[in-house]
Amino acid sequence: MSDHTGRRAESGHIVRQYGRWWWLGQLMLTGIACFFVFFGISLLAASYRLGDPFSFIMTFFAASLIILISIVMVLGFVFRMRRVMLIGRSTDDHEVDDDGSP
């Protein structure tokens, strides 16, 4: 079974409705990505306490990469959820009754 159902909008296109499991999954993925942002920040702060210059450089760049990738993932999940909310809201506003009246 799929986690979304379809319904027809005024234009005749099928609009997907996402279920609770999809929303829960998106929120969990966003939370995990936020955890890695904070982990990267703590790793970046810890890199300044290292004595070896090579270890500092490697840890600094690794932490920066973790932060960069995690922030991009958070933004991607948030924009995806926002897009689904806006599409769902716009189809609810333009829904037509069975008798053809708005």
C-alpha atoms as a PDB file:
ATOM      1  CA  MET A   1       0.000   0.000   0.000  1.00  0.00           C
ATOM      2  CA  SER A   2       1.069   3.549  -0.564  1.00  0.00           C
ATOM      3  CA  ASP A   3       1.167   6.280   2.052  1.00  0.00           C
ATOM      4  CA  HIS A   4      -0.698   8.804  -0.059  1.00  0.00           C
ATOM      5  CA  THR A   5      -3.987   8.913  -1.877  1.00  0.00           C
ATOM      6  CA  GLY A   6      -4.942  10.793  -4.971  1.00  0.00           C
ATOM      7  CA  ARG A   7      -7.802  13.132  -5.747  1.00  0.00           C
ATOM      8  CA  ARG A   8      -8.631  15.130  -8.814  1.00  0.00           C
ATOM      9  CA  ALA A   9      -8.283  18.883  -8.792  1.00  0.00           C
ATOM     10  CA  GLU A  10     -10.219  21.253 -11.044  1.00  0.00           C
ATOM     11  CA  SER A  11      -7.617  20.921 -13.762  1.00  0.00           C
ATOM     12  CA  GLY A  12      -8.083  17.143 -13.854  1.00  0.00           C
ATOM     13  CA  HIS A  13      -4.637  16.364 -12.482  1.00  0.00           C
ATOM     14  CA  ILE A  14      -4.359  13.948  -9.603  1.00  0.00           C
ATOM     15  CA  VAL A  15      -3.135  15.700  -6.449  1.00  0.00           C
ATOM     16  CA  ARG A  16      -1.302  13.552  -3.948  1.00  0.00           C
ATOM     17  CA  GLN A  17      -2.305  13.705  -0.300  1.00  0.00           C
ATOM     18  CA  TYR A  18       0.425  12.625   2.056  1.00  0.00           C
ATOM     19  CA  GLY A  19      -0.440  10.636   5.156  1.00  0.00           C
ATOM     20  CA  ARG A  20       0.727  10.814   8.714  1.00  0.00           C
ATOM     21  CA  TRP A  21       3.615   8.411   8.132  1.00  0.00           C
ATOM     22  CA  TRP A  22       5.065  10.632   5.440  1.00  0.00           C
ATOM     23  CA  TRP A  23       4.891  13.662   7.734  1.00  0.00           C
ATOM     24  CA  LEU A  24       6.363  11.679  10.624  1.00  0.00           C
ATOM     25  CA  GLY A  25       9.199  10.478   8.395  1.00  0.00           C
ATOM     26  CA  GLN A  26       9.943  13.997   7.193  1.00  0.00           C
ATOM     27  CA  LEU A  27       9.978  15.317  10.763  1.00  0.00           C
ATOM     28  CA  MET A  28      12.277  12.501  11.864  1.00  0.00           C
ATOM     29  CA  LEU A  29      14.674  13.144   8.983  1.00  0.00           C
ATOM     30  CA  THR A  30      14.667  16.855   9.789  1.00  0.00           C
ATOM     31  CA  GLY A  31      15.413  16.073  13.431  1.00  0.00           C
ATOM     32  CA  ILE A  32      18.272  13.761  12.512  1.00  0.00           C
ATOM     33  CA  ALA A  33      19.737  16.389  10.191  1.00  0.00           C
ATOM     34  CA  CYS A  34      19.455  18.996  12.983  1.00  0.00           C
ATOM     35  CA  PHE A  35      21.306  16.616  15.300  1.00  0.00           C
ATOM     36  CA  PHE A  36      24.155  16.414  12.805  1.00  0.00           C
ATOM     37  CA  VAL A  37      24.259  20.210  12.501  1.00  0.00           C
ATOM     38  CA  PHE A  38      24.767  20.478  16.252  1.00  0.00           C
ATOM     39  CA  PHE A  39      27.222  17.576  16.222  1.00  0.00           C
ATOM     40  CA  GLY A  40      29.232  19.326  13.505  1.00  0.00           C
ATOM     41  CA  ILE A  41      29.254  22.559  15.494  1.00  0.00           C
ATOM     42  CA  SER A  42      30.514  20.771  18.607  1.00  0.00           C
ATOM     43  CA  LEU A  43      33.150  18.965  16.536  1.00  0.00           C
ATOM     44  CA  LEU A  44      34.216  22.290  15.040  1.00  0.00           C
ATOM     45  CA  ALA A  45      34.591  23.806  18.509  1.00  0.00           C
ATOM     46  CA  ALA A  46      36.536  20.748  19.691  1.00  0.00           C
ATOM     47  CA  SER A  47      38.933  21.026  16.766  1.00  0.00           C
ATOM     48  CA  TYR A  48      40.328  24.260  18.191  1.00  0.00           C
ATOM     49  CA  ARG A  49      41.507  22.376  21.303  1.00  0.00           C
ATOM     50  CA  LEU A  50      43.674  19.991  19.304  1.00  0.00           C
ATOM     51  CA  GLY A  51      47.429  20.447  19.591  1.00  0.00           C
ATOM     52  CA  ASP A  52      48.547  18.892  16.315  1.00  0.00           C
ATOM     53  CA  PRO A  53      48.111  21.232  13.307  1.00  0.00           C
ATOM     54  CA  PHE A  54      47.378  18.341  10.914  1.00  0.00           C
ATOM     55  CA  SER A  55      44.644  16.986  13.210  1.00  0.00           C
ATOM     56  CA  PHE A  56      43.206  20.483  13.559  1.00  0.00           C
ATOM     57  CA  ILE A  57      42.996  21.009   9.792  1.00  0.00           C
ATOM     58  CA  MET A  58      41.462  17.586   9.136  1.00  0.00           C
ATOM     59  CA  THR A  59      38.918  17.914  11.954  1.00  0.00           C
ATOM     60  CA  PHE A  60      38.081  21.504  10.998  1.00  0.00           C
ATOM     61  CA  PHE A  61      37.311  20.615   7.384  1.00  0.00           C
ATOM     62  CA  ALA A  62      35.443  17.438   8.354  1.00  0.00           C
ATOM     63  CA  ALA A  63      33.255  19.383  10.784  1.00  0.00           C
ATOM     64  CA  SER A  64      32.632  22.078   8.185  1.00  0.00           C
ATOM     65  CA  LEU A  65      31.546  19.455   5.655  1.00  0.00           C
ATOM     66  CA  ILE A  66      29.224  17.816   8.201  1.00  0.00           C
ATOM     67  CA  ILE A  67      27.633  21.187   8.971  1.00  0.00           C
ATOM     68  CA  LEU A  68      27.259  22.123   5.310  1.00  0.00           C
ATOM     69  CA  ILE A  69      25.643  18.849   4.260  1.00  0.00           C
ATOM     70  CA  SER A  70      23.351  18.786   7.289  1.00  0.00           C
ATOM     71  CA  ILE A  71      22.124  22.348   6.780  1.00  0.00           C
ATOM     72  CA  VAL A  72      21.362  21.610   3.131  1.00  0.00           C
ATOM     73  CA  MET A  73      19.400  18.518   4.189  1.00  0.00           C
ATOM     74  CA  VAL A  74      17.410  20.478   6.800  1.00  0.00           C
ATOM     75  CA  LEU A  75      16.549  23.145   4.232  1.00  0.00           C
ATOM     76  CA  GLY A  76      15.569  20.499   1.683  1.00  0.00           C
ATOM     77  CA  PHE A  77      13.230  18.712   4.097  1.00  0.00           C
ATOM     78  CA  VAL A  78      11.673  21.979   5.290  1.00  0.00           C
ATOM     79  CA  PHE A  79      11.101  23.263   1.736  1.00  0.00           C
ATOM     80  CA  ARG A  80       9.611  19.894   0.712  1.00  0.00           C
ATOM     81  CA  MET A  81       7.154  19.973   3.624  1.00  0.00           C
ATOM     82  CA  ARG A  82       6.311  23.608   2.886  1.00  0.00           C
ATOM     83  CA  ARG A  83       5.659  22.832  -0.780  1.00  0.00           C
ATOM     84  CA  VAL A  84       3.344  19.945   0.115  1.00  0.00           C
ATOM     85  CA  MET A  85       1.462  22.168   2.569  1.00  0.00           C
ATOM     86  CA  LEU A  86       1.048  24.942   0.004  1.00  0.00           C
ATOM     87  CA  ILE A  87      -0.113  22.554  -2.729  1.00  0.00           C
ATOM     88  CA  GLY A  88      -2.581  20.929  -0.354  1.00  0.00           C
ATOM     89  CA  ARG A  89      -3.888  24.277   0.798  1.00  0.00           C
ATOM     90  CA  SER A  90      -4.342  25.568  -2.757  1.00  0.00           C
ATOM     91  CA  THR A  91      -6.285  22.464  -3.838  1.00  0.00           C
ATOM     92  CA  ASP A  92      -8.507  22.734  -0.750  1.00  0.00           C
ATOM     93  CA  ASP A  93      -9.319  26.338  -1.666  1.00  0.00           C
ATOM     94  CA  HIS A  94     -10.197  25.449  -5.286  1.00  0.00           C
ATOM     95  CA  GLU A  95     -12.102  22.244  -4.611  1.00  0.00           C
ATOM     96  CA  VAL A  96     -15.423  21.883  -6.437  1.00  0.00           C
ATOM     97  CA  ASP A  97     -18.514  20.133  -5.064  1.00  0.00           C
ATOM     98  CA  ASP A  98     -20.118  17.269  -6.932  1.00  0.00           C
ATOM     99  CA  ASP A  99     -22.859  19.486  -8.334  1.00  0.00           C
ATOM    100  CA  GLY A 100     -20.292  21.800  -9.945  1.00  0.00           C
ATOM    101  CA  SER A 101     -20.699  24.748  -7.620  1.00  0.00           C
ATOM    102  CA  PRO A 102     -17.616  26.143  -5.868  1.00  0.00           C
END
